[in-house]
Amino acid sequence: MYPRESESVIQMLKKFSCIQGCSDCCMYREYYPSLEYGKIGVLILPEEKPKVEEMAVKTDITVKIIPRLGYGKSNKGNKGPKKIVAYQMMGKNMDGDLCPFLDIESSQRSPHGGFGCKIYEERPLACRAYPVIDENSGSSVRLDHNCTFCHKHSRTTTDKNGLQREIESLSKIKAGVCVDEKTTVWRYATAIGDEVNRAKLLPEGWLLQNI
């Protein structure tokens, strides 16, 4: 391979694109921050919650939205936060997987060949930002290591070229859930996961975090 051809291939690999036929980010959920907390759902900001619920009614889809992050101590003491800064939409399967808005029944496919989203044009910011999870200094961004692109190319960073919309969405999310080090932070345990792990899960509810 000529040097210019080699350089061209390297540059091509640096640029993110969805893997042909992949829908993994809409289908599978991870345990976070650890297995005991259960699987997480799609992050939903408080201002997005009414809209997502409205779209669910319009499309005749059942969604389960529960809290995700909160801060401050409520009047009830150590039973929960003063304010909820993020919710999460859970997967529709018993194990917490599969976004309820993912269209796995029709023959329609996304531009890259994956299953279509029934609310794509109005999807939450978390979906718009994915797989970008942080903006590095310089010209690169950090990607979610669970993304199929990262698995295929053995990398978790990529050139930020063509990812401005994802970066802008991520910035809005960070602004919405930003808390300082002195703030009391709460995380919600979902008690949802694979059957083999259910005995290890914490009961559903708020847990005070040490940061």
Protein backbone atom coordinates (compact mmCIF):
# COMPACT_ATOMS: atom_id res chain seq x y z
CA MET A 1 0.00 0.00 0.00
CA TYR A 2 1.36 3.44 -0.95
CA PRO A 3 1.95 5.97 1.87
CA ARG A 4 -0.87 8.23 0.63
CA GLU A 5 -3.29 5.30 0.49
CA SER A 6 -2.28 4.26 4.02
CA GLU A 7 -2.84 7.79 5.30
CA SER A 8 -6.23 7.90 3.58
CA VAL A 9 -7.37 4.68 5.25
CA ILE A 10 -6.25 5.95 8.68
CA GLN A 11 -8.18 9.20 8.19
CA MET A 12 -11.26 7.26 7.08
CA LEU A 13 -11.13 5.13 10.24
CA LYS A 14 -10.93 8.25 12.38
CA LYS A 15 -14.28 9.49 11.14
CA PHE A 16 -17.31 8.03 12.89
CA SER A 17 -20.16 6.41 11.01
CA CYS A 18 -22.81 3.93 12.11
CA ILE A 19 -21.97 0.32 11.28
CA GLN A 20 -24.14 -1.07 8.49
CA GLY A 21 -27.24 -2.78 9.87
CA CYS A 22 -26.48 -1.94 13.50
CA SER A 23 -29.20 -0.99 16.03
CA ASP A 24 -27.32 -2.01 19.17
CA CYS A 25 -27.48 1.42 20.86
CA CYS A 26 -31.29 1.25 20.70
CA MET A 27 -31.52 -2.40 21.70
CA TYR A 28 -29.10 -3.05 24.55
CA ARG A 29 -28.67 -1.34 27.91
CA GLU A 30 -25.77 -1.49 30.34
CA TYR A 31 -25.47 -1.83 34.10
CA TYR A 32 -24.34 1.52 35.48
CA PRO A 33 -22.50 2.64 37.54
CA SER A 34 -22.26 -0.99 38.67
CA LEU A 35 -24.29 -4.17 38.33
CA GLU A 36 -26.04 -3.63 41.68
CA TYR A 37 -27.72 -0.45 40.42
CA GLY A 38 -29.38 -2.28 37.55
CA LYS A 39 -29.54 -1.39 33.88
CA ILE A 40 -30.00 2.24 32.95
CA GLY A 41 -32.41 3.67 30.40
CA VAL A 42 -32.15 6.50 27.89
CA LEU A 43 -31.40 9.74 29.72
CA ILE A 44 -34.33 12.16 29.58
CA LEU A 45 -34.03 15.75 30.80
CA PRO A 46 -36.98 17.06 32.88
CA GLU A 47 -38.07 19.38 30.07
CA GLU A 48 -38.05 16.45 27.61
CA LYS A 49 -40.19 14.16 29.74
CA PRO A 50 -43.65 15.61 28.86
CA LYS A 51 -42.79 15.55 25.15
CA VAL A 52 -41.64 11.91 25.22
CA GLU A 53 -44.79 10.92 27.10
CA GLU A 54 -46.92 12.81 24.57
CA MET A 55 -45.21 11.05 21.65
CA ALA A 56 -45.80 7.72 23.35
CA VAL A 57 -49.54 8.45 23.50
CA LYS A 58 -49.59 9.55 19.85
CA THR A 59 -47.84 6.38 18.69
CA ASP A 60 -49.81 4.14 21.08
CA ILE A 61 -46.64 2.97 22.81
CA THR A 62 -46.21 2.24 26.50
CA VAL A 63 -43.13 3.84 28.04
CA LYS A 64 -41.68 3.57 31.52
CA ILE A 65 -39.89 6.72 32.66
CA ILE A 66 -38.31 6.72 36.12
CA PRO A 67 -35.84 9.07 37.87
CA ARG A 68 -32.12 8.83 37.19
CA LEU A 69 -30.21 11.63 38.95
CA GLY A 70 -31.09 14.18 41.59
CA TYR A 71 -29.40 16.60 43.98
CA GLY A 72 -29.92 18.18 47.37
CA LYS A 73 -31.77 16.75 50.34
CA SER A 74 -35.55 16.85 50.40
CA ASN A 75 -37.64 17.67 53.45
CA LYS A 76 -37.91 13.92 53.96
CA GLY A 77 -34.22 13.73 54.89
CA ASN A 78 -32.28 10.81 53.42
CA LYS A 79 -35.14 9.38 51.38
CA GLY A 80 -34.49 11.24 48.15
CA PRO A 81 -33.28 14.40 46.40
CA LYS A 82 -34.67 17.90 46.56
CA LYS A 83 -34.65 18.16 42.77
CA ILE A 84 -34.59 15.59 39.95
CA VAL A 85 -32.19 16.70 37.18
CA ALA A 86 -32.55 13.65 34.91
CA TYR A 87 -35.01 10.85 34.22
CA GLN A 88 -34.55 7.70 32.16
CA MET A 89 -36.74 5.82 29.73
CA MET A 90 -36.42 2.10 30.33
CA GLY A 91 -36.33 -0.63 27.72
CA LYS A 92 -39.57 -2.50 27.19
CA ASN A 93 -38.18 -6.00 27.79
CA MET A 94 -38.09 -7.55 31.26
CA ASP A 95 -34.28 -7.42 31.19
CA GLY A 96 -34.31 -3.67 30.48
CA ASP A 97 -33.30 -3.92 26.83
CA LEU A 98 -35.00 -2.64 23.65
CA CYS A 99 -36.15 0.96 23.26
CA PRO A 100 -39.97 1.09 23.05
CA PHE A 101 -39.75 3.45 20.07
CA LEU A 102 -37.51 1.15 17.99
CA ASP A 103 -39.50 -0.21 15.06
CA ILE A 104 -38.49 -3.86 14.81
CA GLU A 105 -41.70 -5.03 13.17
CA SER A 106 -41.89 -3.09 9.90
CA SER A 107 -39.62 -3.47 6.90
CA GLN A 108 -38.50 0.15 7.07
CA ARG A 109 -34.84 0.67 7.83
CA SER A 110 -32.61 3.60 8.76
CA PRO A 111 -30.15 5.05 6.18
CA HIS A 112 -27.42 2.70 7.45
CA GLY A 113 -29.70 -0.35 7.38
CA GLY A 114 -30.61 -0.63 11.06
CA PHE A 115 -34.13 -0.67 12.51
CA GLY A 116 -36.00 2.61 12.26
CA CYS A 117 -36.95 4.94 15.11
CA LYS A 118 -40.61 5.92 15.36
CA ILE A 119 -39.73 9.35 16.78
CA TYR A 120 -36.39 9.94 15.04
CA GLU A 121 -36.97 13.62 14.20
CA GLU A 122 -38.01 14.32 17.81
CA ARG A 123 -35.77 11.85 19.65
CA PRO A 124 -34.23 12.84 23.03
CA LEU A 125 -30.93 14.69 23.27
CA ALA A 126 -29.21 11.58 24.63
CA CYS A 127 -30.04 9.74 21.40
CA ARG A 128 -28.88 12.71 19.32
CA ALA A 129 -25.56 12.88 21.19
CA TYR A 130 -24.74 9.17 21.02
CA PRO A 131 -22.08 7.79 20.81
CA VAL A 132 -20.20 10.98 21.82
CA ILE A 133 -19.67 11.06 25.59
CA ASP A 134 -16.98 13.75 25.89
CA GLU A 135 -15.23 16.38 23.82
CA ASN A 136 -11.45 16.20 24.00
CA SER A 137 -9.11 19.12 23.56
CA GLY A 138 -8.11 19.51 19.94
CA SER A 139 -10.02 17.88 17.12
CA SER A 140 -11.20 14.62 18.68
CA VAL A 141 -14.11 13.34 20.76
CA ARG A 142 -14.46 10.36 23.08
CA LEU A 143 -17.01 7.69 22.19
CA ASP A 144 -18.95 5.20 24.30
CA HIS A 145 -16.84 2.04 24.43
CA ASN A 146 -20.01 -0.04 23.99
CA CYS A 147 -20.61 1.40 20.52
CA THR A 148 -20.18 -1.16 17.73
CA PHE A 149 -17.98 1.32 15.84
CA CYS A 150 -15.51 1.25 18.75
CA HIS A 151 -15.52 -2.56 18.83
CA LYS A 152 -14.96 -2.84 15.10
CA HIS A 153 -12.14 -0.30 14.91
CA SER A 154 -10.65 -0.90 18.39
CA ARG A 155 -10.81 2.77 19.29
CA THR A 156 -12.82 5.03 21.60
CA THR A 157 -11.80 8.35 20.07
CA THR A 158 -12.55 9.77 16.67
CA ASP A 159 -12.26 13.00 14.73
CA LYS A 160 -15.01 15.47 15.64
CA ASN A 161 -15.57 16.24 11.96
CA GLY A 162 -19.22 15.65 11.09
CA LEU A 163 -20.23 15.23 14.75
CA GLN A 164 -21.19 18.83 15.59
CA ARG A 165 -24.85 18.00 16.20
CA GLU A 166 -23.87 15.20 18.58
CA ILE A 167 -21.46 17.54 20.41
CA GLU A 168 -24.10 20.27 20.69
CA SER A 169 -26.61 17.79 22.12
CA LEU A 170 -24.03 16.54 24.63
CA SER A 171 -23.33 20.14 25.73
CA LYS A 172 -27.04 20.71 26.40
CA ILE A 173 -27.21 17.54 28.48
CA LYS A 174 -24.16 18.53 30.54
CA ALA A 175 -25.63 21.98 31.15
CA GLY A 176 -28.87 20.38 32.33
CA VAL A 177 -27.33 17.95 34.83
CA CYS A 178 -24.33 19.98 35.99
CA VAL A 179 -23.74 19.92 39.76
CA ASP A 180 -20.76 21.15 41.80
CA GLU A 181 -18.64 19.07 44.18
CA LYS A 182 -20.43 20.38 47.28
CA THR A 183 -23.86 19.28 46.08
CA THR A 184 -25.50 16.18 47.51
CA VAL A 185 -26.00 13.81 44.55
CA TRP A 186 -28.50 10.96 44.34
CA ARG A 187 -28.66 8.12 41.84
CA TYR A 188 -31.73 5.97 41.23
CA ALA A 189 -31.33 2.18 41.31
CA THR A 190 -33.59 0.65 38.64
CA ALA A 191 -33.72 -2.96 39.95
CA ILE A 192 -33.90 -4.06 36.29
CA GLY A 193 -31.56 -6.54 34.65
CA ASP A 194 -30.98 -10.01 33.27
CA GLU A 195 -32.64 -12.84 35.18
CA VAL A 196 -29.30 -14.33 36.24
CA ASN A 197 -28.36 -11.05 37.94
CA ARG A 198 -31.63 -10.06 39.59
CA ALA A 199 -30.68 -11.44 43.01
CA LYS A 200 -27.67 -9.10 43.02
CA LEU A 201 -29.67 -5.93 42.27
CA LEU A 202 -30.45 -3.27 44.84
CA PRO A 203 -34.14 -2.48 45.53
CA GLU A 204 -35.57 0.20 43.24
CA GLY A 205 -35.11 3.66 44.68
CA TRP A 206 -32.78 6.55 45.47
CA LEU A 207 -29.24 6.06 46.75
CA LEU A 208 -27.00 8.80 48.08
CA GLN A 209 -23.73 9.09 46.17
CA ASN A 210 -20.25 9.92 47.43
CA ILE A 211 -18.49 12.30 45.06
